[in-house]
Protein backbone atom coordinates (compact mmCIF):
# COMPACT_ATOMS: atom_id res chain seq x y z
CA MET A 1 102.39 64.08 80.53
CA LYS A 2 101.05 66.80 82.82
CA ARG A 3 99.45 69.71 80.97
CA TYR A 4 97.71 73.01 81.66
CA GLN A 5 95.73 74.58 78.83
CA ASN A 6 98.11 74.24 75.86
CA PHE A 7 101.24 74.02 78.02
CA THR A 8 103.29 71.04 79.09
CA PHE A 9 105.38 71.13 82.28
CA SER A 10 109.11 70.67 82.64
CA THR A 11 112.09 71.65 84.80
CA TRP A 12 115.20 73.56 83.80
CA ASN A 13 118.26 73.35 86.03
CA PRO A 14 121.00 75.68 84.74
CA THR A 15 122.48 75.53 88.24
CA ILE A 16 122.62 72.81 90.88
CA GLY A 17 123.42 72.79 94.58
CA CYS A 18 122.52 75.02 97.48
CA HIS A 19 122.80 75.44 101.25
CA LYS A 20 120.20 75.79 103.97
CA VAL A 21 118.88 79.24 104.89
CA SER A 22 115.66 78.58 106.84
CA ALA A 23 113.50 75.89 108.44
CA GLY A 24 111.93 74.94 105.13
CA CYS A 25 115.33 73.66 103.99
CA THR A 26 115.75 71.16 106.84
CA ASN A 27 114.73 68.07 104.86
CA CYS A 28 115.70 69.35 101.40
CA TYR A 29 114.59 66.85 98.74
CA ALA A 30 117.09 68.28 96.24
CA GLU A 31 120.01 67.62 98.58
CA VAL A 32 118.88 64.03 99.09
CA MET A 33 118.55 63.57 95.33
CA ALA A 34 121.96 65.15 94.64
CA LYS A 35 123.72 62.85 97.10
CA ARG A 36 121.94 59.85 95.61
CA LEU A 37 123.09 60.83 92.12
CA GLN A 38 126.61 61.37 93.46
CA SER A 39 126.63 57.84 94.89
CA LEU A 40 125.54 56.50 91.49
CA GLY A 41 128.53 58.14 89.83
CA ASN A 42 126.70 60.97 88.06
CA GLU A 43 129.51 63.28 86.89
CA ILE A 44 127.50 66.48 87.29
CA TYR A 45 126.95 65.66 90.97
CA LYS A 46 130.49 64.52 91.72
CA ASP A 47 130.69 67.31 94.33
CA GLY A 48 127.36 66.39 95.87
CA PHE A 49 125.16 69.38 96.62
CA LYS A 50 127.86 72.01 96.13
CA PHE A 51 126.55 74.99 94.14
CA LYS A 52 127.67 75.18 90.53
CA MET A 53 126.60 76.93 87.33
CA LEU A 54 126.04 74.75 84.26
CA PRO A 55 126.46 76.76 81.03
CA SER A 56 125.96 73.57 79.02
CA ARG A 57 122.29 73.58 80.04
CA LEU A 58 121.56 77.16 79.04
CA THR A 59 120.02 76.35 75.67
CA GLU A 60 117.68 73.55 76.80
CA PRO A 61 114.48 75.66 76.51
CA LEU A 62 115.38 76.52 72.90
CA LYS A 63 114.90 72.85 72.02
CA ALA A 64 111.32 72.71 73.37
CA LYS A 65 108.99 73.63 70.52
CA ARG A 66 105.74 72.96 72.37
CA PRO A 67 104.71 75.77 74.78
CA THR A 68 106.08 74.75 78.17
CA ILE A 69 105.86 75.98 81.74
CA PHE A 70 109.38 75.55 83.08
CA PHE A 71 110.07 75.38 86.80
CA VAL A 72 113.52 76.95 86.94
CA ASN A 73 115.85 75.11 89.28
CA SER A 74 114.28 72.23 91.12
CA MET A 75 117.82 71.32 92.22
CA SER A 76 119.07 74.73 93.34
CA ASP A 77 118.17 78.37 94.01
CA LEU A 78 118.66 80.73 91.08
CA PHE A 79 119.57 83.50 93.53
CA HIS A 80 122.10 81.57 95.58
CA GLU A 81 124.86 83.75 97.03
CA ASN A 82 127.43 82.22 94.65
CA MET A 83 125.31 82.83 91.57
CA SER A 84 126.78 85.54 89.34
CA PHE A 85 124.48 88.19 87.94
CA GLU A 86 126.32 87.75 84.63
CA PHE A 87 125.16 84.13 84.40
CA LEU A 88 121.67 85.24 85.43
CA ASP A 89 121.75 87.66 82.49
CA GLU A 90 122.47 84.73 80.18
CA ILE A 91 119.54 82.79 81.64
CA LEU A 92 117.19 85.75 81.25
CA THR A 93 118.35 86.21 77.67
CA ILE A 94 117.24 82.64 76.88
CA ILE A 95 113.93 83.35 78.61
CA SER A 96 113.43 86.48 76.50
CA GLN A 97 114.20 84.49 73.35
CA THR A 98 111.45 81.95 74.13
CA PRO A 99 108.25 83.96 74.70
CA HIS A 100 106.13 80.89 73.88
CA HIS A 101 107.27 79.38 77.20
CA GLN A 102 106.49 80.44 80.79
CA TYR A 103 109.13 80.33 83.54
CA GLN A 104 108.38 79.84 87.24
CA ILE A 105 111.29 81.12 89.32
CA LEU A 106 111.24 80.42 93.06
CA THR A 107 113.75 81.55 95.69
CA LYS A 108 114.33 81.57 99.42
CA ARG A 109 116.61 84.56 98.82
CA PRO A 110 114.18 87.26 97.65
CA HIS A 111 116.61 90.01 98.68
CA ARG A 112 118.93 88.88 95.87
CA MET A 113 116.02 88.48 93.46
CA ARG A 114 114.96 92.03 94.24
CA ALA A 115 118.46 93.46 93.87
CA TYR A 116 118.82 91.79 90.49
CA PHE A 117 115.47 92.76 88.97
CA LEU A 118 115.34 96.34 90.25
CA ALA A 119 118.05 97.07 87.67
CA ARG A 120 116.57 95.00 84.84
CA HIS A 121 113.48 94.52 82.74
CA ILE A 122 111.46 91.45 83.78
CA PRO A 123 110.31 89.42 80.76
CA LYS A 124 106.54 88.99 80.55
CA ASN A 125 106.85 85.20 80.64
CA VAL A 126 108.54 85.15 84.06
CA TRP A 127 106.73 84.27 87.29
CA LEU A 128 108.66 85.48 90.34
CA GLY A 129 108.08 83.61 93.60
CA THR A 130 109.44 83.18 97.09
CA THR A 131 109.03 80.40 99.64
CA VAL A 132 107.05 81.22 102.78
CA GLU A 133 107.03 77.98 104.74
CA SER A 134 106.38 79.53 108.16
CA SER A 135 105.25 82.70 109.88
CA PHE A 136 108.89 83.48 110.69
CA VAL A 137 109.71 84.30 107.06
CA LYS A 138 106.58 86.24 106.04
CA ASP A 139 108.77 89.30 105.50
CA ARG A 140 109.99 87.67 102.28
CA ILE A 141 106.67 88.64 100.70
CA ASP A 142 107.48 92.34 101.01
CA LEU A 143 110.59 91.87 98.89
CA ILE A 144 108.69 90.71 95.80
CA ARG A 145 105.22 92.27 96.00
CA ASP A 146 106.15 95.44 94.09
CA LEU A 147 108.36 93.84 91.45
CA ASN A 148 106.98 94.36 87.95
CA ALA A 149 106.44 90.70 87.06
CA SER A 150 103.41 89.34 85.23
CA VAL A 151 102.90 86.78 88.00
CA LYS A 152 104.15 86.98 91.59
CA TRP A 153 103.64 83.91 93.72
CA LEU A 154 104.31 82.19 97.01
CA SER A 155 105.26 78.59 97.67
CA CYS A 156 104.02 77.66 101.13
CA GLU A 157 105.54 74.20 100.96
CA PRO A 158 106.46 72.55 103.20
CA LEU A 159 103.91 74.41 105.31
CA ILE A 160 105.30 73.91 108.81
CA ASN A 161 103.18 76.29 110.88
CA ASP A 162 100.14 78.56 110.69
CA LEU A 163 100.97 81.67 108.66
CA GLY A 164 98.19 83.64 110.33
CA GLU A 165 97.02 86.87 108.70
CA LEU A 166 98.78 87.68 105.45
CA ASN A 167 99.04 90.77 103.31
CA LEU A 168 98.78 89.33 99.81
CA SER A 169 98.61 92.62 97.94
CA GLY A 170 100.62 92.30 94.75
CA ILE A 171 100.56 88.49 94.95
CA ASP A 172 98.77 86.51 92.22
CA TRP A 173 99.16 82.88 93.24
CA VAL A 174 99.76 80.78 96.36
CA VAL A 175 100.86 77.14 96.23
CA ALA A 176 100.60 75.13 99.46
CA GLY A 177 101.55 71.62 100.45
CA GLY A 178 102.88 69.29 103.09
CA GLU A 179 106.36 67.85 103.37
CA SER A 180 107.49 64.54 101.86
CA GLY A 181 110.25 62.15 102.88
CA ALA A 182 111.18 59.95 105.81
CA LYS A 183 111.72 62.87 108.20
CA ALA A 184 108.76 64.92 107.04
CA ARG A 185 107.03 67.25 109.47
CA ALA A 186 103.24 67.01 109.58
CA MET A 187 101.10 69.82 108.21
CA LYS A 188 97.87 70.52 110.08
CA LYS A 189 94.66 70.75 108.09
CA GLN A 190 93.71 74.07 109.67
CA TRP A 191 96.95 75.73 108.57
CA ALA A 192 96.14 74.96 104.94
CA LEU A 193 92.49 75.97 105.31
CA ASN A 194 93.49 79.25 106.92
CA LEU A 195 95.81 79.95 104.00
CA LYS A 196 93.01 79.14 101.57
CA SER A 197 90.75 81.59 103.43
CA GLU A 198 93.36 84.34 103.17
CA CYS A 199 93.58 83.74 99.42
CA ASP A 200 89.79 83.79 99.04
CA ARG A 201 89.49 86.99 101.07
CA GLN A 202 92.08 88.77 98.93
CA GLY A 203 91.24 87.32 95.52
CA VAL A 204 94.40 85.26 95.08
CA ALA A 205 94.49 81.97 93.14
CA PHE A 206 95.14 78.99 95.44
CA TYR A 207 96.73 75.68 94.49
CA PHE A 208 96.90 72.83 97.01
CA LYS A 209 99.67 70.56 95.78
CA GLN A 210 99.75 67.64 98.22
CA TRP A 211 99.52 66.43 101.79
CA GLY A 212 102.93 64.81 101.52
CA ALA A 213 104.01 62.13 103.96
CA TRP A 214 101.31 62.91 106.53
CA GLY A 215 97.67 62.67 105.55
CA GLU A 216 94.76 64.94 106.38
CA ASP A 217 93.92 62.40 109.09
CA GLY A 218 97.35 62.73 110.71
CA ILE A 219 98.51 59.28 109.59
CA LYS A 220 101.87 58.82 107.90
CA ARG A 221 101.76 56.88 104.63
CA ASP A 222 102.86 57.07 100.99
CA LYS A 223 102.27 60.60 99.67
CA LYS A 224 100.33 59.30 96.67
CA ALA A 225 97.87 57.64 99.02
CA ASN A 226 97.49 60.88 100.97
CA GLY A 227 96.61 62.75 97.79
CA ALA A 228 95.69 66.41 97.50
CA VAL A 229 92.12 66.66 98.78
CA LEU A 230 91.71 69.45 101.34
CA GLY A 231 88.48 69.54 103.32
CA GLY A 232 86.75 67.38 100.72
CA LYS A 233 87.80 69.51 97.74
CA ILE A 234 90.62 69.77 95.23
CA TYR A 235 92.10 73.22 94.71
CA LYS A 236 94.17 73.59 91.54
CA SER A 237 93.72 77.24 90.55
CA TYR A 238 96.27 79.05 88.40
CA PRO A 239 96.84 82.78 88.12
CA LYS A 240 95.89 84.68 85.00
CA PHE A 241 98.82 85.07 82.65
CA SER A 242 99.37 85.92 79.02
CA SER A 243 99.97 82.83 76.91
CA GLN A 244 100.46 84.90 73.77
CA PRO A 245 104.12 85.34 72.76
CA THR A 246 105.27 88.96 72.65
CA LYS A 247 108.52 90.44 71.45
CA GLU A 248 110.71 91.18 74.46
CA ARG A 249 112.96 94.20 74.81
CA SER A 250 116.47 94.21 76.25
CA LEU A 251 116.94 93.24 79.90
CA PHE A 252 118.38 96.66 80.59
CA GLU A 253 115.84 98.89 78.83
């Protein structure tokens, strides 16, 4: 089981389904998985990749006694246009009730994330992130950089072009990686190295997740064979965060 310090890793999907909003969504792994599960007769995915809220999954983190870093919604976007803020309040209540866990929330809709959290307290165990897969969506960073979260982060995966110069003020962590799957687009080595340089220059933790379907040498093969070595090194840095549980106040204080 994958671990970091005293934490294990898991996913929590209180919603499923989504729709495409930018180039990073083109070969969505979650959509492929949802349709596969639909074909296998999985009742939850009977509507394929249609967005839906799943109240039955709300209490899952309460059952995890070991400190866990939850990635919230690997099969959806917590800030999808059809997501109600009332259901988000229920999710954040569970998060506040489990301060021994950490929650990584990632969205391609940071405008909705911002609108939601500007009116609410952000629990200390929440990491707020947005996807920046290309230079065309760098403006997403501006929508989260001043939010009062313990950790603010960027997922630059799949990295599909050179992001160029970045203003990473207010950002604590950058995760980068190439695309997986049969139709994956190749990531160039220099794009990832440039991103690493931007992180180094601005004191931001950098985590290189994988090459994906295309290796550092430009050859397409199994992603496990391509690994996660960038320029001869492995980069797996995490941001600083408090792992000590604290009593949380109301979302609306």
